[in-house]
Amino acid sequence: MAKKISCKSEKKTLKYYKGMPWTRDLTKEMKDYEDEAGRKAIYRGVITGGFEFWMYWRPKSKLSKKIDIIKDIFSEIIELALISEKTQVDNILINTFTRFRESLKDLKGTGSGFTGISEFLYTEYIKKYFEKELPIIFEKEESGRVNYFFAKLKSKQNEIILSSDVDIKTLFCLQIGVSKPDIFIGIRNLEKKIIPIALIEVKLLRSQEEFAKDITERFREIKNTFQKNQELPFFICLLLDSKENPKLADEIEKFLNLHGKCMIMRKVRNDKDWDSVEKTFRGEIKGSYINDILDTILTELQKKNH
């Protein structure tokens, strides 16, 4: 069992510690502790020692230890991407996904049902990239059975909102034409109104023509739901494919012509790695890598925060 931290300054580096004031709703961890231990995580407005011990110092099962190892592996991949050249970031994230998918295929004969890992990797990278560049710290917020992340922007009380595969129409009361974008980035202002900044779709190894038609229709519906005086968010697609298709170019052009903030980042497989990129972009996004996209979004976030 890990040795308990006694130094107050070190203890405060923990997310939860004994005596820490807590007036918000119970987190998922707190609810799990109360269900499992039959004790209160919060007593008289502060976190209990029992909850701190349960979170950090109790002996863990072999399964929990293995799950922690998996989490550490993903964290190391994201950290590697953060310190890499921007031309290599997408390769690191995509190759991680494809190699996991191929391993799964070796085990069960198919890699279907595994595409959520790509969304997870890009969402985690975006979260860490924003934290590094602004700098901010994201916190997790729960709403029913789903989670999303928020972080307060400096100089204002506005918050950045980041979610993945969450029903934004219901959760954020947004009257737009798509309910569950793969990745959503927005600002929550002092009146708790959500201003959409970017909607990102990650599409892997699908029929190219089907993809382009589907994505164009999804974003056309979003565009049509915005009022004339509302500024449209960025519509961004990360498209991964492995061969050329003449029909795809026309469909991509239709998508890019929706409005000036549309972009497709298209990567084509070369041998075993996704190590080439087609620079397909429009309007206000000048570049073809995820870091270029995020830098443009950061500029928009900072503009909206003033």
C-alpha atoms as a PDB file:
ATOM      1  CA  MET A   1       0.000   0.000   0.000  1.00  0.00           C
ATOM      2  CA  ALA A   2       1.264   3.479  -0.875  1.00  0.00           C
ATOM      3  CA  LYS A   3       2.551   5.569   1.977  1.00  0.00           C
ATOM      4  CA  LYS A   4       0.091   8.267   2.992  1.00  0.00           C
ATOM      5  CA  ILE A   5       1.116  11.834   2.245  1.00  0.00           C
ATOM      6  CA  SER A   6       1.484  13.890   5.405  1.00  0.00           C
ATOM      7  CA  CYS A   7       2.792  17.187   4.028  1.00  0.00           C
ATOM      8  CA  LYS A   8      -0.100  19.608   3.480  1.00  0.00           C
ATOM      9  CA  SER A   9       1.463  21.191   0.403  1.00  0.00           C
ATOM     10  CA  GLU A  10       1.905  17.778  -1.219  1.00  0.00           C
ATOM     11  CA  LYS A  11      -1.540  16.637  -0.174  1.00  0.00           C
ATOM     12  CA  LYS A  12      -3.118  19.556  -2.004  1.00  0.00           C
ATOM     13  CA  THR A  13      -1.744  18.215  -5.267  1.00  0.00           C
ATOM     14  CA  LEU A  14      -4.315  15.419  -4.935  1.00  0.00           C
ATOM     15  CA  LYS A  15      -7.653  15.972  -6.633  1.00  0.00           C
ATOM     16  CA  TYR A  16      -9.433  15.006  -3.378  1.00  0.00           C
ATOM     17  CA  TYR A  17      -7.950  15.111   0.116  1.00  0.00           C
ATOM     18  CA  LYS A  18      -9.191  14.974   3.713  1.00  0.00           C
ATOM     19  CA  GLY A  19     -10.517  18.320   4.909  1.00  0.00           C
ATOM     20  CA  MET A  20     -10.871  19.769   1.404  1.00  0.00           C
ATOM     21  CA  PRO A  21     -14.005  21.992   1.288  1.00  0.00           C
ATOM     22  CA  TRP A  22     -16.705  20.612  -1.016  1.00  0.00           C
ATOM     23  CA  THR A  23     -20.024  22.318  -1.694  1.00  0.00           C
ATOM     24  CA  ARG A  24     -20.703  20.991  -5.202  1.00  0.00           C
ATOM     25  CA  ASP A  25     -22.693  17.908  -6.186  1.00  0.00           C
ATOM     26  CA  LEU A  26     -21.142  14.514  -5.499  1.00  0.00           C
ATOM     27  CA  THR A  27     -18.848  13.242  -8.255  1.00  0.00           C
ATOM     28  CA  LYS A  28     -19.088   9.741  -9.707  1.00  0.00           C
ATOM     29  CA  GLU A  29     -16.131   8.657  -7.521  1.00  0.00           C
ATOM     30  CA  MET A  30     -17.863   9.968  -4.417  1.00  0.00           C
ATOM     31  CA  LYS A  31     -21.086   8.163  -5.278  1.00  0.00           C
ATOM     32  CA  ASP A  32     -19.163   4.937  -5.968  1.00  0.00           C
ATOM     33  CA  TYR A  33     -17.409   5.242  -2.597  1.00  0.00           C
ATOM     34  CA  GLU A  34     -20.665   5.766  -0.740  1.00  0.00           C
ATOM     35  CA  ASP A  35     -22.292   2.809  -2.514  1.00  0.00           C
ATOM     36  CA  GLU A  36     -19.306   0.537  -1.873  1.00  0.00           C
ATOM     37  CA  ALA A  37     -18.303   1.604   1.635  1.00  0.00           C
ATOM     38  CA  GLY A  38     -21.682   2.656   2.987  1.00  0.00           C
ATOM     39  CA  ARG A  39     -20.120   5.864   4.325  1.00  0.00           C
ATOM     40  CA  LYS A  40     -20.281   9.540   3.483  1.00  0.00           C
ATOM     41  CA  ALA A  41     -17.688  11.052   1.172  1.00  0.00           C
ATOM     42  CA  ILE A  42     -18.567  14.560   2.425  1.00  0.00           C
ATOM     43  CA  TYR A  43     -19.210  15.431   6.078  1.00  0.00           C
ATOM     44  CA  ARG A  44     -20.002  18.968   7.239  1.00  0.00           C
ATOM     45  CA  GLY A  45     -18.898  20.402   3.939  1.00  0.00           C
ATOM     46  CA  VAL A  46     -15.458  18.770   3.692  1.00  0.00           C
ATOM     47  CA  ILE A  47     -14.047  15.579   2.175  1.00  0.00           C
ATOM     48  CA  THR A  48     -13.606  12.730   4.635  1.00  0.00           C
ATOM     49  CA  GLY A  49     -10.415  10.812   5.306  1.00  0.00           C
ATOM     50  CA  GLY A  50     -12.210   7.610   4.388  1.00  0.00           C
ATOM     51  CA  PHE A  51     -12.897   8.844   0.876  1.00  0.00           C
ATOM     52  CA  GLU A  52      -9.283  10.003   0.413  1.00  0.00           C
ATOM     53  CA  PHE A  53      -8.028   6.594   1.560  1.00  0.00           C
ATOM     54  CA  TRP A  54     -10.465   4.804  -0.770  1.00  0.00           C
ATOM     55  CA  MET A  55      -9.367   6.974  -3.709  1.00  0.00           C
ATOM     56  CA  TYR A  56      -5.589   6.753  -3.297  1.00  0.00           C
ATOM     57  CA  TRP A  57      -4.279   4.417  -0.633  1.00  0.00           C
ATOM     58  CA  ARG A  58      -6.407   1.247  -0.479  1.00  0.00           C
ATOM     59  CA  PRO A  59      -4.944  -1.960  -1.929  1.00  0.00           C
ATOM     60  CA  LYS A  60      -6.112  -2.420  -5.515  1.00  0.00           C
ATOM     61  CA  SER A  61      -7.199  -5.611  -7.216  1.00  0.00           C
ATOM     62  CA  LYS A  62      -5.139  -7.082 -10.061  1.00  0.00           C
ATOM     63  CA  LEU A  63      -7.823  -5.949 -12.510  1.00  0.00           C
ATOM     64  CA  SER A  64      -7.707  -2.361 -11.221  1.00  0.00           C
ATOM     65  CA  LYS A  65      -3.925  -2.350 -11.534  1.00  0.00           C
ATOM     66  CA  LYS A  66      -4.110  -3.560 -15.142  1.00  0.00           C
ATOM     67  CA  ILE A  67      -6.715  -0.910 -15.987  1.00  0.00           C
ATOM     68  CA  ASP A  68      -4.402   1.712 -14.470  1.00  0.00           C
ATOM     69  CA  ILE A  69      -1.612   0.435 -16.736  1.00  0.00           C
ATOM     70  CA  ILE A  70      -3.849   0.907 -19.801  1.00  0.00           C
ATOM     71  CA  LYS A  71      -4.696   4.452 -18.675  1.00  0.00           C
ATOM     72  CA  ASP A  72      -0.998   5.182 -18.211  1.00  0.00           C
ATOM     73  CA  ILE A  73      -0.241   3.924 -21.731  1.00  0.00           C
ATOM     74  CA  PHE A  74      -2.816   6.268 -23.261  1.00  0.00           C
ATOM     75  CA  SER A  75      -1.505   9.155 -21.139  1.00  0.00           C
ATOM     76  CA  GLU A  76       2.039   8.476 -22.370  1.00  0.00           C
ATOM     77  CA  ILE A  77       0.837   8.478 -25.994  1.00  0.00           C
ATOM     78  CA  ILE A  78      -0.855  11.857 -25.522  1.00  0.00           C
ATOM     79  CA  GLU A  79       2.254  13.272 -23.806  1.00  0.00           C
ATOM     80  CA  LEU A  80       4.409  12.009 -26.689  1.00  0.00           C
ATOM     81  CA  ALA A  81       2.109  13.729 -29.194  1.00  0.00           C
ATOM     82  CA  LEU A  82       2.270  16.990 -27.212  1.00  0.00           C
ATOM     83  CA  ILE A  83       6.063  17.206 -27.411  1.00  0.00           C
ATOM     84  CA  SER A  84       6.298  16.072 -31.055  1.00  0.00           C
ATOM     85  CA  GLU A  85       6.506  18.184 -34.206  1.00  0.00           C
ATOM     86  CA  LYS A  86       3.073  19.115 -35.512  1.00  0.00           C
ATOM     87  CA  THR A  87       3.664  17.031 -38.647  1.00  0.00           C
ATOM     88  CA  GLN A  88       3.902  13.909 -36.465  1.00  0.00           C
ATOM     89  CA  VAL A  89       0.993  14.427 -34.049  1.00  0.00           C
ATOM     90  CA  ASP A  90      -1.729  13.002 -36.290  1.00  0.00           C
ATOM     91  CA  ASN A  91       0.475  10.050 -37.206  1.00  0.00           C
ATOM     92  CA  ILE A  92       0.971   9.202 -33.520  1.00  0.00           C
ATOM     93  CA  LEU A  93      -2.749   9.385 -32.711  1.00  0.00           C
ATOM     94  CA  ILE A  94      -3.933   7.557 -35.829  1.00  0.00           C
ATOM     95  CA  ASN A  95      -1.270   4.851 -35.722  1.00  0.00           C
ATOM     96  CA  THR A  96      -2.189   4.181 -32.092  1.00  0.00           C
ATOM     97  CA  PHE A  97      -5.792   3.616 -33.110  1.00  0.00           C
ATOM     98  CA  THR A  98      -5.015   1.481 -36.168  1.00  0.00           C
ATOM     99  CA  ARG A  99      -2.561  -0.744 -34.305  1.00  0.00           C
ATOM    100  CA  PHE A 100      -5.048  -1.345 -31.496  1.00  0.00           C
ATOM    101  CA  ARG A 101      -7.671  -2.091 -34.130  1.00  0.00           C
ATOM    102  CA  GLU A 102      -5.397  -4.541 -35.922  1.00  0.00           C
ATOM    103  CA  SER A 103      -4.590  -6.258 -32.620  1.00  0.00           C
ATOM    104  CA  LEU A 104      -8.298  -6.602 -31.925  1.00  0.00           C
ATOM    105  CA  LYS A 105      -8.811  -8.000 -35.412  1.00  0.00           C
ATOM    106  CA  ASP A 106      -6.123 -10.634 -34.719  1.00  0.00           C
ATOM    107  CA  LEU A 107      -7.989 -11.668 -31.563  1.00  0.00           C
ATOM    108  CA  LYS A 108     -11.584 -11.764 -32.775  1.00  0.00           C
ATOM    109  CA  GLY A 109     -11.420 -11.631 -36.555  1.00  0.00           C
ATOM    110  CA  THR A 110     -12.720  -8.067 -36.935  1.00  0.00           C
ATOM    111  CA  GLY A 111     -11.868  -4.621 -35.672  1.00  0.00           C
ATOM    112  CA  SER A 112     -15.457  -3.344 -35.836  1.00  0.00           C
ATOM    113  CA  GLY A 113     -16.852  -1.433 -32.897  1.00  0.00           C
ATOM    114  CA  PHE A 114     -13.468   0.067 -32.100  1.00  0.00           C
ATOM    115  CA  THR A 115     -13.723   3.486 -33.754  1.00  0.00           C
ATOM    116  CA  GLY A 116     -14.508   5.245 -30.463  1.00  0.00           C
ATOM    117  CA  ILE A 117     -10.819   5.006 -29.557  1.00  0.00           C
ATOM    118  CA  SER A 118      -9.953   7.492 -32.318  1.00  0.00           C
ATOM    119  CA  GLU A 119     -12.443  10.026 -30.919  1.00  0.00           C
ATOM    120  CA  PHE A 120     -11.082   9.431 -27.411  1.00  0.00           C
ATOM    121  CA  LEU A 121      -7.474  10.015 -28.509  1.00  0.00           C
ATOM    122  CA  TYR A 122      -8.287  13.242 -30.351  1.00  0.00           C
ATOM    123  CA  THR A 123     -10.494  14.529 -27.505  1.00  0.00           C
ATOM    124  CA  GLU A 124      -7.758  13.854 -24.941  1.00  0.00           C
ATOM    125  CA  TYR A 125      -5.159  15.491 -27.161  1.00  0.00           C
ATOM    126  CA  ILE A 126      -7.328  18.589 -27.645  1.00  0.00           C
ATOM    127  CA  LYS A 127      -7.903  18.818 -23.882  1.00  0.00           C
ATOM    128  CA  LYS A 128      -4.190  18.603 -23.080  1.00  0.00           C
ATOM    129  CA  TYR A 129      -3.210  20.935 -25.936  1.00  0.00           C
ATOM    130  CA  PHE A 130      -5.601  23.638 -24.705  1.00  0.00           C
ATOM    131  CA  GLU A 131      -4.386  23.188 -21.131  1.00  0.00           C
ATOM    132  CA  LYS A 132      -0.804  23.700 -22.290  1.00  0.00           C
ATOM    133  CA  GLU A 133      -1.405  26.633 -24.619  1.00  0.00           C
ATOM    134  CA  LEU A 134      -3.848  28.822 -22.676  1.00  0.00           C
ATOM    135  CA  PRO A 135      -2.995  27.629 -19.893  1.00  0.00           C
ATOM    136  CA  ILE A 136      -6.116  26.266 -18.161  1.00  0.00           C
ATOM    137  CA  ILE A 137      -7.189  23.170 -16.248  1.00  0.00           C
ATOM    138  CA  PHE A 138     -10.215  21.209 -17.400  1.00  0.00           C
ATOM    139  CA  GLU A 139     -12.608  19.758 -14.851  1.00  0.00           C
ATOM    140  CA  LYS A 140     -15.113  16.988 -15.431  1.00  0.00           C
ATOM    141  CA  GLU A 141     -18.793  17.797 -15.085  1.00  0.00           C
ATOM    142  CA  GLU A 142     -21.494  15.154 -14.911  1.00  0.00           C
ATOM    143  CA  SER A 143     -24.999  15.398 -16.243  1.00  0.00           C
ATOM    144  CA  GLY A 144     -27.025  12.251 -15.768  1.00  0.00           C
ATOM    145  CA  ARG A 145     -25.114   9.384 -17.403  1.00  0.00           C
ATOM    146  CA  VAL A 146     -22.756  11.533 -19.487  1.00  0.00           C
ATOM    147  CA  ASN A 147     -19.658  13.608 -18.775  1.00  0.00           C
ATOM    148  CA  TYR A 148     -18.145  16.632 -20.415  1.00  0.00           C
ATOM    149  CA  PHE A 149     -15.258  18.964 -19.560  1.00  0.00           C
ATOM    150  CA  PHE A 150     -15.116  22.653 -18.752  1.00  0.00           C
ATOM    151  CA  ALA A 151     -12.408  25.169 -17.850  1.00  0.00           C
ATOM    152  CA  LYS A 152     -12.584  28.812 -16.839  1.00  0.00           C
ATOM    153  CA  LEU A 153     -10.875  31.280 -19.158  1.00  0.00           C
ATOM    154  CA  LYS A 154      -8.660  33.924 -17.574  1.00  0.00           C
ATOM    155  CA  SER A 155      -9.708  37.595 -17.491  1.00  0.00           C
ATOM    156  CA  LYS A 156     -13.352  36.585 -17.915  1.00  0.00           C
ATOM    157  CA  GLN A 157     -15.741  34.176 -16.202  1.00  0.00           C
ATOM    158  CA  ASN A 158     -16.528  32.435 -19.466  1.00  0.00           C
ATOM    159  CA  GLU A 159     -15.781  28.710 -19.686  1.00  0.00           C
ATOM    160  CA  ILE A 160     -14.521  26.473 -22.484  1.00  0.00           C
ATOM    161  CA  ILE A 161     -16.738  23.440 -23.016  1.00  0.00           C
ATOM    162  CA  LEU A 162     -15.340  20.241 -24.536  1.00  0.00           C
ATOM    163  CA  SER A 163     -17.403  17.108 -25.108  1.00  0.00           C
ATOM    164  CA  SER A 164     -17.269  13.905 -27.143  1.00  0.00           C
ATOM    165  CA  ASP A 165     -20.295  12.040 -28.534  1.00  0.00           C
ATOM    166  CA  VAL A 166     -22.628  13.892 -26.165  1.00  0.00           C
ATOM    167  CA  ASP A 167     -26.165  14.972 -27.067  1.00  0.00           C
ATOM    168  CA  ILE A 168     -25.460  18.702 -27.215  1.00  0.00           C
ATOM    169  CA  LYS A 169     -29.029  19.543 -28.263  1.00  0.00           C
ATOM    170  CA  THR A 170     -30.353  18.212 -24.951  1.00  0.00           C
ATOM    171  CA  LEU A 171     -27.391  18.841 -22.643  1.00  0.00           C
ATOM    172  CA  PHE A 172     -26.550  22.364 -23.797  1.00  0.00           C
ATOM    173  CA  CYS A 173     -30.001  23.364 -25.150  1.00  0.00           C
ATOM    174  CA  LEU A 174     -28.563  24.011 -28.605  1.00  0.00           C
ATOM    175  CA  GLN A 175     -31.065  24.127 -31.422  1.00  0.00           C
ATOM    176  CA  ILE A 176     -28.761  22.859 -34.130  1.00  0.00           C
ATOM    177  CA  GLY A 177     -29.167  20.115 -36.672  1.00  0.00           C
ATOM    178  CA  VAL A 178     -26.850  17.479 -35.216  1.00  0.00           C
ATOM    179  CA  SER A 179     -27.197  16.065 -31.739  1.00  0.00           C
ATOM    180  CA  LYS A 180     -23.980  14.089 -31.170  1.00  0.00           C
ATOM    181  CA  PRO A 181     -20.877  15.439 -32.892  1.00  0.00           C
ATOM    182  CA  ASP A 182     -17.754  13.352 -32.310  1.00  0.00           C
ATOM    183  CA  ILE A 183     -16.113  16.383 -30.670  1.00  0.00           C
ATOM    184  CA  PHE A 184     -17.762  19.660 -29.642  1.00  0.00           C
ATOM    185  CA  ILE A 185     -15.957  22.835 -28.528  1.00  0.00           C
ATOM    186  CA  GLY A 186     -17.838  25.863 -27.254  1.00  0.00           C
ATOM    187  CA  ILE A 187     -17.919  28.739 -24.772  1.00  0.00           C
ATOM    188  CA  ARG A 188     -20.343  28.962 -21.835  1.00  0.00           C
ATOM    189  CA  ASN A 189     -20.894  32.615 -20.903  1.00  0.00           C
ATOM    190  CA  LEU A 190     -21.989  34.221 -17.636  1.00  0.00           C
ATOM    191  CA  GLU A 191     -25.650  33.675 -18.569  1.00  0.00           C
ATOM    192  CA  LYS A 192     -24.846  29.948 -19.019  1.00  0.00           C
ATOM    193  CA  LYS A 193     -25.543  30.214 -22.727  1.00  0.00           C
ATOM    194  CA  ILE A 194     -23.420  27.926 -24.923  1.00  0.00           C
ATOM    195  CA  ILE A 195     -21.794  29.482 -27.999  1.00  0.00           C
ATOM    196  CA  PRO A 196     -20.627  26.778 -30.464  1.00  0.00           C
ATOM    197  CA  ILE A 197     -17.050  27.302 -31.684  1.00  0.00           C
ATOM    198  CA  ALA A 198     -16.239  24.054 -33.512  1.00  0.00           C
ATOM    199  CA  LEU A 199     -17.802  20.706 -34.379  1.00  0.00           C
ATOM    200  CA  ILE A 200     -15.351  17.961 -35.356  1.00  0.00           C
ATOM    201  CA  GLU A 201     -16.121  14.603 -36.930  1.00  0.00           C
ATOM    202  CA  VAL A 202     -13.538  11.783 -37.016  1.00  0.00           C
ATOM    203  CA  LYS A 203     -14.346   9.334 -39.817  1.00  0.00           C
ATOM    204  CA  LEU A 204     -12.256   6.232 -40.353  1.00  0.00           C
ATOM    205  CA  LEU A 205     -12.113   3.689 -43.157  1.00  0.00           C
ATOM    206  CA  ARG A 206     -15.648   4.274 -44.386  1.00  0.00           C
ATOM    207  CA  SER A 207     -17.031   4.330 -47.888  1.00  0.00           C
ATOM    208  CA  GLN A 208     -15.644   7.647 -49.104  1.00  0.00           C
ATOM    209  CA  GLU A 209     -18.656   8.701 -51.128  1.00  0.00           C
ATOM    210  CA  GLU A 210     -20.996   7.724 -48.289  1.00  0.00           C
ATOM    211  CA  PHE A 211     -18.872   9.717 -45.856  1.00  0.00           C
ATOM    212  CA  ALA A 212     -18.826  12.887 -47.924  1.00  0.00           C
ATOM    213  CA  LYS A 213     -22.565  12.875 -48.605  1.00  0.00           C
ATOM    214  CA  ASP A 214     -23.376  12.149 -44.970  1.00  0.00           C
ATOM    215  CA  ILE A 215     -21.085  14.806 -43.549  1.00  0.00           C
ATOM    216  CA  THR A 216     -22.276  17.435 -46.028  1.00  0.00           C
ATOM    217  CA  GLU A 217     -25.909  16.798 -45.132  1.00  0.00           C
ATOM    218  CA  ARG A 218     -25.172  16.856 -41.390  1.00  0.00           C
ATOM    219  CA  PHE A 219     -23.443  20.226 -41.556  1.00  0.00           C
ATOM    220  CA  ARG A 220     -25.892  21.708 -44.059  1.00  0.00           C
ATOM    221  CA  GLU A 221     -28.631  20.966 -41.538  1.00  0.00           C
ATOM    222  CA  ILE A 222     -26.614  22.694 -38.808  1.00  0.00           C
ATOM    223  CA  LYS A 223     -26.020  25.714 -41.027  1.00  0.00           C
ATOM    224  CA  ASN A 224     -29.712  26.000 -41.873  1.00  0.00           C
ATOM    225  CA  THR A 225     -30.710  26.050 -38.186  1.00  0.00           C
ATOM    226  CA  PHE A 226     -28.560  29.100 -37.402  1.00  0.00           C
ATOM    227  CA  GLN A 227     -30.199  32.479 -37.666  1.00  0.00           C
ATOM    228  CA  LYS A 228     -28.834  34.952 -40.214  1.00  0.00           C
ATOM    229  CA  ASN A 229     -27.153  37.084 -37.539  1.00  0.00           C
ATOM    230  CA  GLN A 230     -25.480  34.123 -35.819  1.00  0.00           C
ATOM    231  CA  GLU A 231     -21.846  33.345 -36.537  1.00  0.00           C
ATOM    232  CA  LEU A 232     -21.351  29.791 -37.752  1.00  0.00           C
ATOM    233  CA  PRO A 233     -18.931  27.480 -35.934  1.00  0.00           C
ATOM    234  CA  PHE A 234     -16.048  25.678 -37.605  1.00  0.00           C
ATOM    235  CA  PHE A 235     -17.098  22.449 -39.351  1.00  0.00           C
ATOM    236  CA  ILE A 236     -14.079  20.142 -39.364  1.00  0.00           C
ATOM    237  CA  CYS A 237     -13.724  16.569 -40.603  1.00  0.00           C
ATOM    238  CA  LEU A 238     -10.763  14.289 -40.056  1.00  0.00           C
ATOM    239  CA  LEU A 239     -11.029  11.788 -42.913  1.00  0.00           C
ATOM    240  CA  LEU A 240      -8.838   8.718 -43.121  1.00  0.00           C
ATOM    241  CA  ASP A 241      -8.926   6.516 -46.188  1.00  0.00           C
ATOM    242  CA  SER A 242      -6.675   4.262 -48.180  1.00  0.00           C
ATOM    243  CA  LYS A 243      -7.420   4.748 -51.870  1.00  0.00           C
ATOM    244  CA  GLU A 244      -8.516   7.327 -54.396  1.00  0.00           C
ATOM    245  CA  ASN A 245     -12.103   7.655 -55.551  1.00  0.00           C
ATOM    246  CA  PRO A 246     -13.000  10.133 -58.336  1.00  0.00           C
ATOM    247  CA  LYS A 247     -16.476  10.671 -56.863  1.00  0.00           C
ATOM    248  CA  LEU A 248     -14.998  11.761 -53.537  1.00  0.00           C
ATOM    249  CA  ALA A 249     -13.497  15.012 -54.880  1.00  0.00           C
ATOM    250  CA  ASP A 250     -16.907  16.363 -55.948  1.00  0.00           C
ATOM    251  CA  GLU A 251     -18.482  15.494 -52.599  1.00  0.00           C
ATOM    252  CA  ILE A 252     -15.607  17.092 -50.663  1.00  0.00           C
ATOM    253  CA  GLU A 253     -15.990  20.250 -52.754  1.00  0.00           C
ATOM    254  CA  LYS A 254     -19.690  20.413 -51.831  1.00  0.00           C
ATOM    255  CA  PHE A 255     -18.773  20.181 -48.173  1.00  0.00           C
ATOM    256  CA  LEU A 256     -16.014  22.792 -48.362  1.00  0.00           C
ATOM    257  CA  ASN A 257     -18.368  25.199 -50.137  1.00  0.00           C
ATOM    258  CA  LEU A 258     -20.904  25.159 -47.277  1.00  0.00           C
ATOM    259  CA  HIS A 259     -19.151  28.165 -45.755  1.00  0.00           C
ATOM    260  CA  GLY A 260     -15.698  29.624 -45.087  1.00  0.00           C
ATOM    261  CA  LYS A 261     -15.048  27.733 -41.854  1.00  0.00           C
ATOM    262  CA  CYS A 262     -15.360  24.250 -43.330  1.00  0.00           C
ATOM    263  CA  MET A 263     -12.272  22.046 -43.465  1.00  0.00           C
ATOM    264  CA  ILE A 264     -11.344  18.444 -44.198  1.00  0.00           C
ATOM    265  CA  MET A 265      -8.027  17.041 -43.011  1.00  0.00           C
ATOM    266  CA  ARG A 266      -7.525  14.010 -45.216  1.00  0.00           C
ATOM    267  CA  LYS A 267      -4.835  11.442 -44.543  1.00  0.00           C
ATOM    268  CA  VAL A 268      -4.045   8.576 -46.899  1.00  0.00           C
ATOM    269  CA  ARG A 269      -2.454   5.336 -45.774  1.00  0.00           C
ATOM    270  CA  ASN A 270       1.059   4.678 -47.068  1.00  0.00           C
ATOM    271  CA  ASP A 271       2.169   1.063 -46.555  1.00  0.00           C
ATOM    272  CA  LYS A 272       1.502   0.373 -42.853  1.00  0.00           C
ATOM    273  CA  ASP A 273       1.465   3.927 -41.508  1.00  0.00           C
ATOM    274  CA  TRP A 274      -0.768   6.974 -41.970  1.00  0.00           C
ATOM    275  CA  ASP A 275       2.219   9.114 -42.814  1.00  0.00           C
ATOM    276  CA  SER A 276       0.995  11.357 -45.587  1.00  0.00           C
ATOM    277  CA  VAL A 277      -1.516  14.185 -45.567  1.00  0.00           C
ATOM    278  CA  GLU A 278      -3.468  15.911 -48.298  1.00  0.00           C
ATOM    279  CA  LYS A 279      -3.706  19.626 -47.587  1.00  0.00           C
ATOM    280  CA  THR A 280      -7.403  20.124 -48.075  1.00  0.00           C
ATOM    281  CA  PHE A 281      -8.552  23.310 -46.369  1.00  0.00           C
ATOM    282  CA  ARG A 282     -10.668  26.410 -46.787  1.00  0.00           C
ATOM    283  CA  GLY A 283     -11.302  29.862 -45.421  1.00  0.00           C
ATOM    284  CA  GLU A 284      -9.962  30.772 -41.996  1.00  0.00           C
ATOM    285  CA  ILE A 285      -8.022  27.553 -41.341  1.00  0.00           C
ATOM    286  CA  LYS A 286      -4.561  27.865 -42.848  1.00  0.00           C
ATOM    287  CA  GLY A 287      -2.964  24.468 -42.485  1.00  0.00           C
ATOM    288  CA  SER A 288      -3.627  20.769 -42.594  1.00  0.00           C
ATOM    289  CA  TYR A 289      -2.572  19.297 -39.232  1.00  0.00           C
ATOM    290  CA  ILE A 290      -4.519  19.019 -36.007  1.00  0.00           C
ATOM    291  CA  ASN A 291      -2.291  21.655 -34.354  1.00  0.00           C
ATOM    292  CA  ASP A 292      -3.115  24.125 -37.151  1.00  0.00           C
ATOM    293  CA  ILE A 293      -6.796  23.472 -36.577  1.00  0.00           C
ATOM    294  CA  LEU A 294      -6.505  23.880 -32.802  1.00  0.00           C
ATOM    295  CA  ASP A 295      -4.484  27.092 -33.072  1.00  0.00           C
ATOM    296  CA  THR A 296      -7.231  28.576 -35.251  1.00  0.00           C
ATOM    297  CA  ILE A 297      -9.885  27.471 -32.755  1.00  0.00           C
ATOM    298  CA  LEU A 298      -7.853  28.937 -29.875  1.00  0.00           C
ATOM    299  CA  THR A 299      -7.761  32.294 -31.662  1.00  0.00           C
ATOM    300  CA  GLU A 300     -11.531  32.138 -32.051  1.00  0.00           C
ATOM    301  CA  LEU A 301     -11.992  31.195 -28.381  1.00  0.00           C
ATOM    302  CA  GLN A 302      -9.865  34.119 -27.232  1.00  0.00           C
ATOM    303  CA  LYS A 303     -11.705  36.495 -29.590  1.00  0.00           C
ATOM    304  CA  LYS A 304     -15.067  35.368 -28.220  1.00  0.00           C
ATOM    305  CA  ASN A 305     -13.802  35.794 -24.645  1.00  0.00           C
ATOM    306  CA  HIS A 306     -13.168  39.551 -25.041  1.00  0.00           C
END
